[in-house]
Amino acid sequence: MTTAPPPIATIGDITVTSATVVTPLGAVPLPGSRWTATDQWVTERYTPRWAIVLAVVGVCFTALLSLLLLLVKTDRYRATVSVSVMHGDFFHTTRLVVTTPAEVQEIYDRVNYVRSLALL
Protein backbone atom coordinates (compact mmCIF):
# COMPACT_ATOMS: atom_id res chain seq x y z
CA MET A 1 0.00 0.00 0.00
CA THR A 2 1.47 3.35 -1.05
CA THR A 3 0.74 6.55 0.76
CA ALA A 4 0.35 9.93 -0.82
CA PRO A 5 3.24 12.33 -0.36
CA PRO A 6 2.69 15.04 2.25
CA PRO A 7 1.43 18.40 1.04
CA ILE A 8 4.07 21.07 0.49
CA ALA A 9 1.62 23.95 0.17
CA THR A 10 -2.11 24.54 0.35
CA ILE A 11 -3.79 27.48 -1.36
CA GLY A 12 -7.53 27.46 -0.83
CA ASP A 13 -8.78 24.13 -2.18
CA ILE A 14 -5.55 23.51 -4.12
CA THR A 15 -3.05 21.16 -2.50
CA VAL A 16 0.48 20.87 -3.84
CA THR A 17 2.69 17.84 -3.22
CA SER A 18 6.23 17.26 -4.45
CA ALA A 19 4.97 15.84 -7.77
CA THR A 20 1.30 16.75 -8.22
CA VAL A 21 -1.25 19.52 -7.90
CA VAL A 22 -4.49 18.21 -6.39
CA THR A 23 -7.75 20.13 -6.88
CA PRO A 24 -11.41 19.19 -6.55
CA LEU A 25 -11.41 18.72 -10.35
CA GLY A 26 -8.55 16.23 -10.30
CA ALA A 27 -4.78 15.98 -10.10
CA VAL A 28 -2.16 17.17 -12.58
CA PRO A 29 1.64 17.02 -12.55
CA LEU A 30 3.38 19.89 -10.79
CA PRO A 31 6.23 20.28 -13.32
CA GLY A 32 5.01 22.40 -16.22
CA SER A 33 2.03 23.87 -14.38
CA ARG A 34 1.42 27.59 -14.73
CA TRP A 35 0.20 29.73 -11.82
CA THR A 36 -1.44 33.14 -11.68
CA ALA A 37 -2.67 35.22 -8.75
CA THR A 38 -4.67 38.44 -8.84
CA ASP A 39 -6.22 40.49 -6.07
CA GLN A 40 -9.25 42.78 -6.11
CA TRP A 41 -9.78 45.24 -3.27
CA VAL A 42 -13.07 46.75 -2.09
CA THR A 43 -13.24 49.68 0.32
CA GLU A 44 -16.39 49.90 2.41
CA ARG A 45 -17.24 53.09 4.31
CA TYR A 46 -19.46 52.78 7.38
CA THR A 47 -20.43 54.44 10.66
CA PRO A 48 -18.85 52.54 13.59
CA ARG A 49 -21.11 51.03 16.25
CA TRP A 50 -19.65 53.15 19.04
CA ALA A 51 -20.69 56.33 17.18
CA ILE A 52 -24.23 55.05 16.70
CA VAL A 53 -24.55 54.07 20.37
CA LEU A 54 -23.18 57.42 21.59
CA ALA A 55 -25.48 59.32 19.22
CA VAL A 56 -28.56 57.45 20.47
CA VAL A 57 -27.59 57.81 24.15
CA GLY A 58 -26.45 61.41 23.76
CA VAL A 59 -29.60 62.57 21.97
CA CYS A 60 -31.31 62.77 25.40
CA PHE A 61 -28.71 65.26 26.65
CA THR A 62 -27.52 67.20 23.62
CA ALA A 63 -29.96 66.65 20.80
CA LEU A 64 -28.28 68.04 17.71
CA LEU A 65 -24.71 67.85 18.94
CA SER A 66 -24.79 64.09 19.47
CA LEU A 67 -26.24 63.53 16.00
CA LEU A 68 -22.95 64.84 14.61
CA LEU A 69 -21.42 61.54 15.75
CA LEU A 70 -23.32 59.88 12.90
CA LEU A 71 -21.01 61.73 10.51
CA VAL A 72 -18.01 59.72 11.78
CA LYS A 73 -16.94 57.26 9.09
CA THR A 74 -14.46 54.41 9.08
CA ASP A 75 -13.05 52.47 6.15
CA ARG A 76 -13.04 48.68 6.02
CA TYR A 77 -10.92 46.95 3.41
CA ARG A 78 -11.68 43.54 1.95
CA ALA A 79 -9.99 41.70 -0.86
CA THR A 80 -10.52 38.62 -2.95
CA VAL A 81 -7.44 36.83 -4.23
CA SER A 82 -7.95 34.54 -7.22
CA VAL A 83 -5.35 31.82 -7.68
CA SER A 84 -5.40 29.83 -10.92
CA VAL A 85 -3.44 26.77 -11.95
CA MET A 86 -3.16 25.59 -15.57
CA HIS A 87 -1.58 22.52 -17.09
CA GLY A 88 -2.39 21.69 -20.70
CA ASP A 89 -6.20 21.67 -21.00
CA PHE A 90 -6.64 21.64 -17.22
CA PHE A 91 -7.68 24.87 -15.51
CA HIS A 92 -8.78 25.50 -11.93
CA THR A 93 -9.35 28.74 -9.99
CA THR A 94 -9.88 29.22 -6.28
CA ARG A 95 -10.91 32.46 -4.60
CA LEU A 96 -9.78 33.46 -1.13
CA VAL A 97 -11.32 36.29 0.91
CA VAL A 98 -8.78 38.28 2.93
CA THR A 99 -8.89 41.46 5.01
CA THR A 100 -5.29 42.60 5.37
CA PRO A 101 -2.43 43.26 2.97
CA ALA A 102 -0.33 40.79 4.97
CA GLU A 103 -2.75 37.97 4.09
CA VAL A 104 -2.55 38.93 0.41
CA GLN A 105 1.25 38.90 0.57
CA GLU A 106 1.21 35.47 2.23
CA ILE A 107 -0.88 34.05 -0.62
CA TYR A 108 1.42 35.65 -3.22
CA ASP A 109 4.42 34.15 -1.40
CA ARG A 110 2.84 30.68 -1.53
CA VAL A 111 2.07 31.04 -5.24
CA ASN A 112 5.63 32.19 -5.97
CA TYR A 113 7.00 29.24 -4.00
CA VAL A 114 4.86 26.79 -5.98
CA ARG A 115 5.86 28.53 -9.22
CA SER A 116 9.51 27.94 -8.38
CA LEU A 117 8.78 24.26 -7.68
CA ALA A 118 6.92 23.91 -10.99
CA LEU A 119 10.02 25.07 -12.87
CA LEU A 120 12.21 22.29 -11.45
C-alpha atoms as a PDB file:
ATOM      1  CA  MET A   1       0.000   0.000   0.000  1.00  0.00           C
ATOM      2  CA  THR A   2       1.466   3.354  -1.050  1.00  0.00           C
ATOM      3  CA  THR A   3       0.742   6.549   0.765  1.00  0.00           C
ATOM      4  CA  ALA A   4       0.346   9.929  -0.825  1.00  0.00           C
ATOM      5  CA  PRO A   5       3.238  12.331  -0.361  1.00  0.00           C
ATOM      6  CA  PRO A   6       2.687  15.037   2.249  1.00  0.00           C
ATOM      7  CA  PRO A   7       1.429  18.403   1.041  1.00  0.00           C
ATOM      8  CA  ILE A   8       4.070  21.072   0.485  1.00  0.00           C
ATOM      9  CA  ALA A   9       1.622  23.954   0.172  1.00  0.00           C
ATOM     10  CA  THR A  10      -2.110  24.536   0.353  1.00  0.00           C
ATOM     11  CA  ILE A  11      -3.788  27.477  -1.356  1.00  0.00           C
ATOM     12  CA  GLY A  12      -7.535  27.456  -0.825  1.00  0.00           C
ATOM     13  CA  ASP A  13      -8.778  24.131  -2.179  1.00  0.00           C
ATOM     14  CA  ILE A  14      -5.550  23.511  -4.123  1.00  0.00           C
ATOM     15  CA  THR A  15      -3.049  21.161  -2.501  1.00  0.00           C
ATOM     16  CA  VAL A  16       0.483  20.868  -3.842  1.00  0.00           C
ATOM     17  CA  THR A  17       2.690  17.843  -3.216  1.00  0.00           C
ATOM     18  CA  SER A  18       6.229  17.256  -4.453  1.00  0.00           C
ATOM     19  CA  ALA A  19       4.975  15.842  -7.773  1.00  0.00           C
ATOM     20  CA  THR A  20       1.301  16.755  -8.216  1.00  0.00           C
ATOM     21  CA  VAL A  21      -1.254  19.516  -7.899  1.00  0.00           C
ATOM     22  CA  VAL A  22      -4.494  18.214  -6.393  1.00  0.00           C
ATOM     23  CA  THR A  23      -7.746  20.131  -6.875  1.00  0.00           C
ATOM     24  CA  PRO A  24     -11.414  19.187  -6.546  1.00  0.00           C
ATOM     25  CA  LEU A  25     -11.412  18.723 -10.349  1.00  0.00           C
ATOM     26  CA  GLY A  26      -8.547  16.227 -10.297  1.00  0.00           C
ATOM     27  CA  ALA A  27      -4.778  15.976 -10.101  1.00  0.00           C
ATOM     28  CA  VAL A  28      -2.158  17.172 -12.577  1.00  0.00           C
ATOM     29  CA  PRO A  29       1.642  17.016 -12.549  1.00  0.00           C
ATOM     30  CA  LEU A  30       3.383  19.893 -10.785  1.00  0.00           C
ATOM     31  CA  PRO A  31       6.226  20.276 -13.321  1.00  0.00           C
ATOM     32  CA  GLY A  32       5.007  22.397 -16.216  1.00  0.00           C
ATOM     33  CA  SER A  33       2.030  23.866 -14.375  1.00  0.00           C
ATOM     34  CA  ARG A  34       1.419  27.595 -14.726  1.00  0.00           C
ATOM     35  CA  TRP A  35       0.202  29.728 -11.821  1.00  0.00           C
ATOM     36  CA  THR A  36      -1.442  33.144 -11.676  1.00  0.00           C
ATOM     37  CA  ALA A  37      -2.671  35.215  -8.752  1.00  0.00           C
ATOM     38  CA  THR A  38      -4.670  38.441  -8.835  1.00  0.00           C
ATOM     39  CA  ASP A  39      -6.221  40.488  -6.071  1.00  0.00           C
ATOM     40  CA  GLN A  40      -9.251  42.777  -6.110  1.00  0.00           C
ATOM     41  CA  TRP A  41      -9.776  45.236  -3.268  1.00  0.00           C
ATOM     42  CA  VAL A  42     -13.066  46.750  -2.088  1.00  0.00           C
ATOM     43  CA  THR A  43     -13.242  49.680   0.322  1.00  0.00           C
ATOM     44  CA  GLU A  44     -16.391  49.904   2.409  1.00  0.00           C
ATOM     45  CA  ARG A  45     -17.236  53.095   4.310  1.00  0.00           C
ATOM     46  CA  TYR A  46     -19.459  52.776   7.379  1.00  0.00           C
ATOM     47  CA  THR A  47     -20.426  54.440  10.663  1.00  0.00           C
ATOM     48  CA  PRO A  48     -18.853  52.544  13.587  1.00  0.00           C
ATOM     49  CA  ARG A  49     -21.108  51.031  16.254  1.00  0.00           C
ATOM     50  CA  TRP A  50     -19.650  53.152  19.039  1.00  0.00           C
ATOM     51  CA  ALA A  51     -20.688  56.329  17.175  1.00  0.00           C
ATOM     52  CA  ILE A  52     -24.231  55.050  16.696  1.00  0.00           C
ATOM     53  CA  VAL A  53     -24.551  54.065  20.372  1.00  0.00           C
ATOM     54  CA  LEU A  54     -23.177  57.416  21.590  1.00  0.00           C
ATOM     55  CA  ALA A  55     -25.480  59.322  19.216  1.00  0.00           C
ATOM     56  CA  VAL A  56     -28.558  57.451  20.465  1.00  0.00           C
ATOM     57  CA  VAL A  57     -27.591  57.809  24.146  1.00  0.00           C
ATOM     58  CA  GLY A  58     -26.452  61.410  23.763  1.00  0.00           C
ATOM     59  CA  VAL A  59     -29.601  62.570  21.967  1.00  0.00           C
ATOM     60  CA  CYS A  60     -31.312  62.774  25.400  1.00  0.00           C
ATOM     61  CA  PHE A  61     -28.711  65.258  26.650  1.00  0.00           C
ATOM     62  CA  THR A  62     -27.519  67.197  23.617  1.00  0.00           C
ATOM     63  CA  ALA A  63     -29.960  66.647  20.804  1.00  0.00           C
ATOM     64  CA  LEU A  64     -28.279  68.035  17.711  1.00  0.00           C
ATOM     65  CA  LEU A  65     -24.712  67.849  18.936  1.00  0.00           C
ATOM     66  CA  SER A  66     -24.793  64.091  19.474  1.00  0.00           C
ATOM     67  CA  LEU A  67     -26.238  63.529  16.003  1.00  0.00           C
ATOM     68  CA  LEU A  68     -22.948  64.838  14.613  1.00  0.00           C
ATOM     69  CA  LEU A  69     -21.421  61.542  15.747  1.00  0.00           C
ATOM     70  CA  LEU A  70     -23.315  59.883  12.900  1.00  0.00           C
ATOM     71  CA  LEU A  71     -21.009  61.732  10.515  1.00  0.00           C
ATOM     72  CA  VAL A  72     -18.015  59.722  11.784  1.00  0.00           C
ATOM     73  CA  LYS A  73     -16.943  57.256   9.092  1.00  0.00           C
ATOM     74  CA  THR A  74     -14.460  54.411   9.082  1.00  0.00           C
ATOM     75  CA  ASP A  75     -13.046  52.471   6.147  1.00  0.00           C
ATOM     76  CA  ARG A  76     -13.042  48.684   6.020  1.00  0.00           C
ATOM     77  CA  TYR A  77     -10.918  46.948   3.414  1.00  0.00           C
ATOM     78  CA  ARG A  78     -11.681  43.541   1.947  1.00  0.00           C
ATOM     79  CA  ALA A  79      -9.992  41.696  -0.864  1.00  0.00           C
ATOM     80  CA  THR A  80     -10.522  38.618  -2.950  1.00  0.00           C
ATOM     81  CA  VAL A  81      -7.441  36.827  -4.233  1.00  0.00           C
ATOM     82  CA  SER A  82      -7.953  34.538  -7.219  1.00  0.00           C
ATOM     83  CA  VAL A  83      -5.350  31.816  -7.680  1.00  0.00           C
ATOM     84  CA  SER A  84      -5.399  29.828 -10.917  1.00  0.00           C
ATOM     85  CA  VAL A  85      -3.444  26.766 -11.954  1.00  0.00           C
ATOM     86  CA  MET A  86      -3.157  25.585 -15.575  1.00  0.00           C
ATOM     87  CA  HIS A  87      -1.584  22.525 -17.092  1.00  0.00           C
ATOM     88  CA  GLY A  88      -2.388  21.689 -20.701  1.00  0.00           C
ATOM     89  CA  ASP A  89      -6.205  21.672 -21.005  1.00  0.00           C
ATOM     90  CA  PHE A  90      -6.635  21.635 -17.219  1.00  0.00           C
ATOM     91  CA  PHE A  91      -7.677  24.874 -15.511  1.00  0.00           C
ATOM     92  CA  HIS A  92      -8.779  25.501 -11.926  1.00  0.00           C
ATOM     93  CA  THR A  93      -9.349  28.738  -9.988  1.00  0.00           C
ATOM     94  CA  THR A  94      -9.877  29.218  -6.279  1.00  0.00           C
ATOM     95  CA  ARG A  95     -10.912  32.456  -4.601  1.00  0.00           C
ATOM     96  CA  LEU A  96      -9.777  33.461  -1.130  1.00  0.00           C
ATOM     97  CA  VAL A  97     -11.315  36.290   0.914  1.00  0.00           C
ATOM     98  CA  VAL A  98      -8.781  38.282   2.935  1.00  0.00           C
ATOM     99  CA  THR A  99      -8.895  41.458   5.006  1.00  0.00           C
ATOM    100  CA  THR A 100      -5.293  42.604   5.370  1.00  0.00           C
ATOM    101  CA  PRO A 101      -2.433  43.262   2.968  1.00  0.00           C
ATOM    102  CA  ALA A 102      -0.332  40.790   4.973  1.00  0.00           C
ATOM    103  CA  GLU A 103      -2.748  37.973   4.089  1.00  0.00           C
ATOM    104  CA  VAL A 104      -2.550  38.926   0.410  1.00  0.00           C
ATOM    105  CA  GLN A 105       1.248  38.898   0.571  1.00  0.00           C
ATOM    106  CA  GLU A 106       1.212  35.470   2.231  1.00  0.00           C
ATOM    107  CA  ILE A 107      -0.882  34.052  -0.620  1.00  0.00           C
ATOM    108  CA  TYR A 108       1.420  35.650  -3.217  1.00  0.00           C
ATOM    109  CA  ASP A 109       4.420  34.147  -1.399  1.00  0.00           C
ATOM    110  CA  ARG A 110       2.842  30.680  -1.525  1.00  0.00           C
ATOM    111  CA  VAL A 111       2.067  31.036  -5.238  1.00  0.00           C
ATOM    112  CA  ASN A 112       5.629  32.188  -5.966  1.00  0.00           C
ATOM    113  CA  TYR A 113       6.999  29.241  -3.998  1.00  0.00           C
ATOM    114  CA  VAL A 114       4.857  26.792  -5.978  1.00  0.00           C
ATOM    115  CA  ARG A 115       5.862  28.527  -9.223  1.00  0.00           C
ATOM    116  CA  SER A 116       9.505  27.938  -8.378  1.00  0.00           C
ATOM    117  CA  LEU A 117       8.777  24.263  -7.681  1.00  0.00           C
ATOM    118  CA  ALA A 118       6.916  23.914 -10.990  1.00  0.00           C
ATOM    119  CA  LEU A 119      10.019  25.070 -12.865  1.00  0.00           C
ATOM    120  CA  LEU A 120      12.208  22.294 -11.450  1.00  0.00           C
END
